[in-house]
Each structure stands twice: as structure tokens, then as C-alpha cells.
């Protein structure tokens, strides 16, 4: 699966997407408290990996 930055931005509107040296990062636009059990920052070596990690943030905890 090949994705574009524009597709990731559309699919995850609550996140800012950054192209970093050596990978990609996403930062929530509205940060959550540490006690929420969710991440405010996600990183992936590729956009596809970043998408998988962002999708994990949308699933209830304890499901795969």
C-alpha cells in the first residue's frame, strides 16, 4: 500500500504530519493528558508504518 502525505492528512485530521530525516512523525493538534492512555506523538520510518501506528490510536485499548 502506497500512501501520500495528503491522504494521511485527510485520514487523520487531528494530527500534524512531519517529514523528518529518517522517517515521519505525527503530533496531535490537541494534546491529551498522559493519563489518557493514548499517544500525543507517533513515529514511523515510512508513511505506511505511520498510518498503521495512527490507526492503532483510533482502536479501543486491548484490541488488535
PDB file of N, CA and C in Angstrom:
ATOM      1  N   UNK A   1       0.853  -1.176   0.000  1.00  0.00           N
ATOM      2  CA  UNK A   1       0.000   0.000   0.000  1.00  0.00           C
ATOM      3  C   UNK A   1       0.899   1.239   0.000  1.00  0.00           C
ATOM      4  N   UNK A   2       0.742   2.076  -0.969  1.00  0.00           N
ATOM      5  CA  UNK A   2       1.474   3.336  -1.021  1.00  0.00           C
ATOM      6  C   UNK A   2       0.501   4.464  -0.718  1.00  0.00           C
ATOM      7  N   UNK A   3       0.873   5.316   0.218  1.00  0.00           N
ATOM      8  CA  UNK A   3       0.024   6.450   0.579  1.00  0.00           C
ATOM      9  C   UNK A   3       0.800   7.743   0.369  1.00  0.00           C
ATOM     10  N   UNK A   4       0.058   8.816   0.198  1.00  0.00           N
ATOM     11  CA  UNK A   4       0.668  10.139   0.064  1.00  0.00           C
ATOM     12  C   UNK A   4       0.457  10.919   1.359  1.00  0.00           C
ATOM     13  N   UNK A   5       1.244  11.955   1.519  1.00  0.00           N
ATOM     14  CA  UNK A   5       1.099  12.810   2.699  1.00  0.00           C
ATOM     15  C   UNK A   5      -0.306  13.401   2.739  1.00  0.00           C
ATOM     16  N   UNK A   6      -0.814  13.836   1.587  1.00  0.00           N
ATOM     17  CA  UNK A   6      -2.162  14.421   1.536  1.00  0.00           C
ATOM     18  C   UNK A   6      -3.215  13.424   2.007  1.00  0.00           C
ATOM     19  N   UNK A   7      -3.064  12.158   1.651  1.00  0.00           N
ATOM     20  CA  UNK A   7      -4.021  11.135   2.093  1.00  0.00           C
ATOM     21  C   UNK A   7      -3.956  10.938   3.609  1.00  0.00           C
ATOM     22  N   UNK A   8      -2.757  10.959   4.158  1.00  0.00           N
ATOM     23  CA  UNK A   8      -2.608  10.794   5.610  1.00  0.00           C
ATOM     24  C   UNK A   8      -3.228  11.984   6.336  1.00  0.00           C
ATOM     25  N   UNK A   9      -2.986  13.176   5.840  1.00  0.00           N
ATOM     26  CA  UNK A   9      -3.562  14.378   6.457  1.00  0.00           C
ATOM     27  C   UNK A   9      -5.083  14.316   6.436  1.00  0.00           C
ATOM     28  N   UNK A  10      -5.653  13.891   5.317  1.00  0.00           N
ATOM     29  CA  UNK A  10      -7.125  13.772   5.221  1.00  0.00           C
ATOM     30  C   UNK A  10      -7.666  12.687   6.143  1.00  0.00           C
ATOM     31  N   UNK A  11      -6.952  11.578   6.244  1.00  0.00           N
ATOM     32  CA  UNK A  11      -7.430  10.446   7.044  1.00  0.00           C
ATOM     33  C   UNK A  11      -7.327  10.692   8.546  1.00  0.00           C
ATOM     34  N   UNK A  12      -6.389  11.561   8.962  1.00  0.00           N
ATOM     35  CA  UNK A  12      -6.147  11.811  10.385  1.00  0.00           C
ATOM     36  C   UNK A  12      -6.118  13.316  10.642  1.00  0.00           C
ATOM     37  N   UNK A  13      -7.291  13.961  10.599  1.00  0.00           N
ATOM     38  CA  UNK A  13      -7.335  15.424  10.705  1.00  0.00           C
ATOM     39  C   UNK A  13      -6.883  15.978  12.049  1.00  0.00           C
ATOM     40  N   UNK A  14      -6.842  15.194  13.083  1.00  0.00           N
ATOM     41  CA  UNK A  14      -6.430  15.683  14.395  1.00  0.00           C
ATOM     42  C   UNK A  14      -4.933  15.630  14.628  1.00  0.00           C
ATOM     43  N   UNK A  15      -4.181  15.386  13.561  1.00  0.00           N
ATOM     44  CA  UNK A  15      -2.737  15.229  13.666  1.00  0.00           C
ATOM     45  C   UNK A  15      -2.022  16.123  12.665  1.00  0.00           C
ATOM     46  N   UNK A  16      -0.853  16.631  13.066  1.00  0.00           N
ATOM     47  CA  UNK A  16       0.058  17.318  12.150  1.00  0.00           C
ATOM     48  C   UNK A  16       1.100  16.286  11.717  1.00  0.00           C
ATOM     49  N   UNK A  17       1.386  16.220  10.424  1.00  0.00           N
ATOM     50  CA  UNK A  17       2.316  15.242   9.886  1.00  0.00           C
ATOM     51  C   UNK A  17       3.625  15.940   9.507  1.00  0.00           C
ATOM     52  N   UNK A  18       4.735  15.359   9.912  1.00  0.00           N
ATOM     53  CA  UNK A  18       6.050  15.945   9.662  1.00  0.00           C
ATOM     54  C   UNK A  18       6.975  14.943   8.975  1.00  0.00           C
ATOM     55  N   UNK A  19       7.676  15.416   7.968  1.00  0.00           N
ATOM     56  CA  UNK A  19       8.707  14.644   7.291  1.00  0.00           C
ATOM     57  C   UNK A  19      10.021  14.933   8.004  1.00  0.00           C
ATOM     58  N   UNK A  20      10.565  13.915   8.662  1.00  0.00           N
ATOM     59  CA  UNK A  20      11.812  14.071   9.406  1.00  0.00           C
ATOM     60  C   UNK A  20      12.934  13.331   8.686  1.00  0.00           C
ATOM     61  N   UNK A  21      14.154  13.699   8.983  1.00  0.00           N
ATOM     62  CA  UNK A  21      15.287  12.939   8.459  1.00  0.00           C
ATOM     63  C   UNK A  21      15.189  11.521   9.020  1.00  0.00           C
ATOM     64  N   UNK A  22      15.005  10.553   8.164  1.00  0.00           N
ATOM     65  CA  UNK A  22      14.930   9.168   8.619  1.00  0.00           C
ATOM     66  C   UNK A  22      13.543   8.687   8.961  1.00  0.00           C
ATOM     67  N   UNK A  23      12.499   9.419   8.641  1.00  0.00           N
ATOM     68  CA  UNK A  23      11.160   8.922   8.914  1.00  0.00           C
ATOM     69  C   UNK A  23      10.106  10.011   8.955  1.00  0.00           C
ATOM     70  N   UNK A  24       8.984   9.662   9.535  1.00  0.00           N
ATOM     71  CA  UNK A  24       7.819  10.542   9.617  1.00  0.00           C
ATOM     72  C   UNK A  24       7.334  10.604  11.054  1.00  0.00           C
ATOM     73  N   UNK A  25       6.704  11.718  11.411  1.00  0.00           N
ATOM     74  CA  UNK A  25       6.144  11.867  12.750  1.00  0.00           C
ATOM     75  C   UNK A  25       4.774  12.532  12.645  1.00  0.00           C
ATOM     76  N   UNK A  26       3.928  12.217  13.608  1.00  0.00           N
ATOM     77  CA  UNK A  26       2.615  12.846  13.720  1.00  0.00           C
ATOM     78  C   UNK A  26       2.470  13.339  15.151  1.00  0.00           C
ATOM     79  N   UNK A  27       1.958  14.551  15.296  1.00  0.00           N
ATOM     80  CA  UNK A  27       1.742  15.157  16.613  1.00  0.00           C
ATOM     81  C   UNK A  27       0.287  15.602  16.677  1.00  0.00           C
ATOM     82  N   UNK A  28      -0.393  15.248  17.752  1.00  0.00           N
ATOM     83  CA  UNK A  28      -1.799  15.667  17.910  1.00  0.00           C
ATOM     84  C   UNK A  28      -1.892  17.183  17.920  1.00  0.00           C
ATOM     85  N   UNK A  29      -2.930  17.703  17.294  1.00  0.00           N
ATOM     86  CA  UNK A  29      -3.140  19.147  17.302  1.00  0.00           C
ATOM     87  C   UNK A  29      -3.685  19.600  18.655  1.00  0.00           C
ATOM     88  N   UNK A  30      -4.405  18.728  19.345  1.00  0.00           N
ATOM     89  CA  UNK A  30      -4.893  18.998  20.697  1.00  0.00           C
ATOM     90  C   UNK A  30      -4.338  17.903  21.598  1.00  0.00           C
ATOM     91  N   UNK A  31      -3.340  18.249  22.383  1.00  0.00           N
ATOM     92  CA  UNK A  31      -2.663  17.256  23.199  1.00  0.00           C
ATOM     93  C   UNK A  31      -3.583  16.679  24.270  1.00  0.00           C
ATOM     94  N   UNK A  32      -3.386  15.392  24.539  1.00  0.00           N
ATOM     95  CA  UNK A  32      -4.161  14.687  25.552  1.00  0.00           C
ATOM     96  C   UNK A  32      -3.336  14.555  26.825  1.00  0.00           C
ATOM     97  N   UNK A  33      -3.998  14.453  27.981  1.00  0.00           N
ATOM     98  CA  UNK A  33      -3.242  14.244  29.223  1.00  0.00           C
ATOM     99  C   UNK A  33      -2.556  12.874  29.215  1.00  0.00           C
ATOM    100  N   UNK A  34      -1.445  12.771  29.923  1.00  0.00           N
ATOM    101  CA  UNK A  34      -0.712  11.499  29.989  1.00  0.00           C
ATOM    102  C   UNK A  34      -1.578  10.353  30.478  1.00  0.00           C
ATOM    103  N   UNK A  35      -2.537  10.648  31.323  1.00  0.00           N
ATOM    104  CA  UNK A  35      -3.384   9.610  31.905  1.00  0.00           C
ATOM    105  C   UNK A  35      -4.423   9.066  30.918  1.00  0.00           C
ATOM    106  N   UNK A  36      -4.493   9.622  29.712  1.00  0.00           N
ATOM    107  CA  UNK A  36      -5.494   9.183  28.734  1.00  0.00           C
ATOM    108  C   UNK A  36      -5.213   7.793  28.184  1.00  0.00           C
ATOM    109  N   UNK A  37      -3.958   7.341  28.261  1.00  0.00           N
ATOM    110  CA  UNK A  37      -3.604   6.040  27.699  1.00  0.00           C
ATOM    111  C   UNK A  37      -3.352   6.097  26.199  1.00  0.00           C
ATOM    112  N   UNK A  38      -3.422   7.289  25.610  1.00  0.00           N
ATOM    113  CA  UNK A  38      -3.173   7.456  24.182  1.00  0.00           C
ATOM    114  C   UNK A  38      -1.910   8.278  23.977  1.00  0.00           C
ATOM    115  N   UNK A  39      -1.378   8.225  22.769  1.00  0.00           N
ATOM    116  CA  UNK A  39      -0.144   8.940  22.450  1.00  0.00           C
ATOM    117  C   UNK A  39      -0.431  10.311  21.867  1.00  0.00           C
ATOM    118  N   UNK A  40       0.431  11.254  22.148  1.00  0.00           N
ATOM    119  CA  UNK A  40       0.372  12.566  21.508  1.00  0.00           C
ATOM    120  C   UNK A  40       1.321  12.644  20.322  1.00  0.00           C
ATOM    121  N   UNK A  41       2.278  11.724  20.267  1.00  0.00           N
ATOM    122  CA  UNK A  41       3.249  11.684  19.176  1.00  0.00           C
ATOM    123  C   UNK A  41       3.370  10.247  18.701  1.00  0.00           C
ATOM    124  N   UNK A  42       3.379  10.080  17.400  1.00  0.00           N
ATOM    125  CA  UNK A  42       3.609   8.764  16.784  1.00  0.00           C
ATOM    126  C   UNK A  42       4.649   8.933  15.710  1.00  0.00           C
ATOM    127  N   UNK A  43       5.470   7.901  15.493  1.00  0.00           N
ATOM    128  CA  UNK A  43       6.537   7.964  14.515  1.00  0.00           C
ATOM    129  C   UNK A  43       6.567   6.684  13.696  1.00  0.00           C
ATOM    130  N   UNK A  44       6.987   6.812  12.431  1.00  0.00           N
ATOM    131  CA  UNK A  44       7.175   5.657  11.569  1.00  0.00           C
ATOM    132  C   UNK A  44       8.306   5.919  10.594  1.00  0.00           C
ATOM    133  N   UNK A  45       8.996   4.859  10.223  1.00  0.00           N
ATOM    134  CA  UNK A  45      10.080   5.018   9.248  1.00  0.00           C
ATOM    135  C   UNK A  45       9.527   5.353   7.871  1.00  0.00           C
ATOM    136  N   UNK A  46       8.328   4.853   7.566  1.00  0.00           N
ATOM    137  CA  UNK A  46       7.664   5.145   6.294  1.00  0.00           C
ATOM    138  C   UNK A  46       6.283   5.711   6.591  1.00  0.00           C
ATOM    139  N   UNK A  47       5.672   6.311   5.581  1.00  0.00           N
ATOM    140  CA  UNK A  47       4.292   6.796   5.768  1.00  0.00           C
ATOM    141  C   UNK A  47       3.349   5.645   6.068  1.00  0.00           C
ATOM    142  N   UNK A  48       3.573   4.502   5.436  1.00  0.00           N
ATOM    143  CA  UNK A  48       2.715   3.343   5.670  1.00  0.00           C
ATOM    144  C   UNK A  48       2.790   2.883   7.127  1.00  0.00           C
ATOM    145  N   UNK A  49       4.000   2.871   7.682  1.00  0.00           N
ATOM    146  CA  UNK A  49       4.164   2.498   9.089  1.00  0.00           C
ATOM    147  C   UNK A  49       3.492   3.533   9.994  1.00  0.00           C
ATOM    148  N   UNK A  50       3.630   4.805   9.661  1.00  0.00           N
ATOM    149  CA  UNK A  50       2.985   5.855  10.442  1.00  0.00           C
ATOM    150  C   UNK A  50       1.469   5.683  10.423  1.00  0.00           C
ATOM    151  N   UNK A  51       0.908   5.357   9.271  1.00  0.00           N
ATOM    152  CA  UNK A  51      -0.541   5.134   9.173  1.00  0.00           C
ATOM    153  C   UNK A  51      -0.960   3.993  10.085  1.00  0.00           C
ATOM    154  N   UNK A  52      -0.232   2.897  10.084  1.00  0.00           N
ATOM    155  CA  UNK A  52      -0.577   1.762  10.968  1.00  0.00           C
ATOM    156  C   UNK A  52      -0.561   2.194  12.429  1.00  0.00           C
ATOM    157  N   UNK A  53       0.421   2.990  12.799  1.00  0.00           N
ATOM    158  CA  UNK A  53       0.507   3.445  14.189  1.00  0.00           C
ATOM    159  C   UNK A  53      -0.610   4.424  14.537  1.00  0.00           C
ATOM    160  N   UNK A  54      -0.980   5.279  13.596  1.00  0.00           N
ATOM    161  CA  UNK A  54      -2.098   6.201  13.840  1.00  0.00           C
ATOM    162  C   UNK A  54      -3.416   5.443  13.906  1.00  0.00           C
ATOM    163  N   UNK A  55      -3.582   4.424  13.082  1.00  0.00           N
ATOM    164  CA  UNK A  55      -4.794   3.605  13.149  1.00  0.00           C
ATOM    165  C   UNK A  55      -4.913   2.938  14.512  1.00  0.00           C
ATOM    166  N   UNK A  56      -3.788   2.541  15.097  1.00  0.00           N
ATOM    167  CA  UNK A  56      -3.807   1.922  16.433  1.00  0.00           C
ATOM    168  C   UNK A  56      -4.332   2.903  17.472  1.00  0.00           C
ATOM    169  N   UNK A  57      -4.136   4.188  17.260  1.00  0.00           N
ATOM    170  CA  UNK A  57      -4.633   5.205  18.191  1.00  0.00           C
ATOM    171  C   UNK A  57      -6.154   5.355  18.119  1.00  0.00           C
ATOM    172  N   UNK A  58      -6.771   4.883  17.050  1.00  0.00           N
ATOM    173  CA  UNK A  58      -8.222   5.026  16.902  1.00  0.00           C
ATOM    174  C   UNK A  58      -8.980   3.801  17.404  1.00  0.00           C
ATOM    175  N   UNK A  59      -8.255   2.686  17.669  1.00  0.00           N
ATOM    176  CA  UNK A  59      -8.908   1.477  18.179  1.00  0.00           C
ATOM    177  C   UNK A  59      -8.970   1.514  19.690  1.00  0.00           C
ATOM    178  N   UNK A  60     -10.025   0.968  20.256  1.00  0.00           N
ATOM    179  CA  UNK A  60     -10.083   0.878  21.724  1.00  0.00           C
ATOM    180  C   UNK A  60      -8.916   0.037  22.237  1.00  0.00           C
ATOM    181  N   UNK A  61      -8.416   0.384  23.408  1.00  0.00           N
ATOM    182  CA  UNK A  61      -7.301  -0.356  24.007  1.00  0.00           C
ATOM    183  C   UNK A  61      -7.703  -1.813  24.225  1.00  0.00           C
ATOM    184  N   UNK A  62      -6.746  -2.701  24.003  1.00  0.00           N
ATOM    185  CA  UNK A  62      -6.996  -4.128  24.222  1.00  0.00           C
ATOM    186  C   UNK A  62      -7.464  -4.850  22.981  1.00  0.00           C
ATOM    187  N   UNK A  63      -7.591  -4.138  21.834  1.00  0.00           N
ATOM    188  CA  UNK A  63      -7.958  -4.817  20.591  1.00  0.00           C
ATOM    189  C   UNK A  63      -6.795  -4.719  19.629  1.00  0.00           C
ATOM    190  N   UNK A  64      -6.697  -5.676  18.746  1.00  0.00           N
ATOM    191  CA  UNK A  64      -5.572  -5.662  17.786  1.00  0.00           C
ATOM    192  C   UNK A  64      -6.027  -5.396  16.395  1.00  0.00           C
TER     193      UNK A  64
END
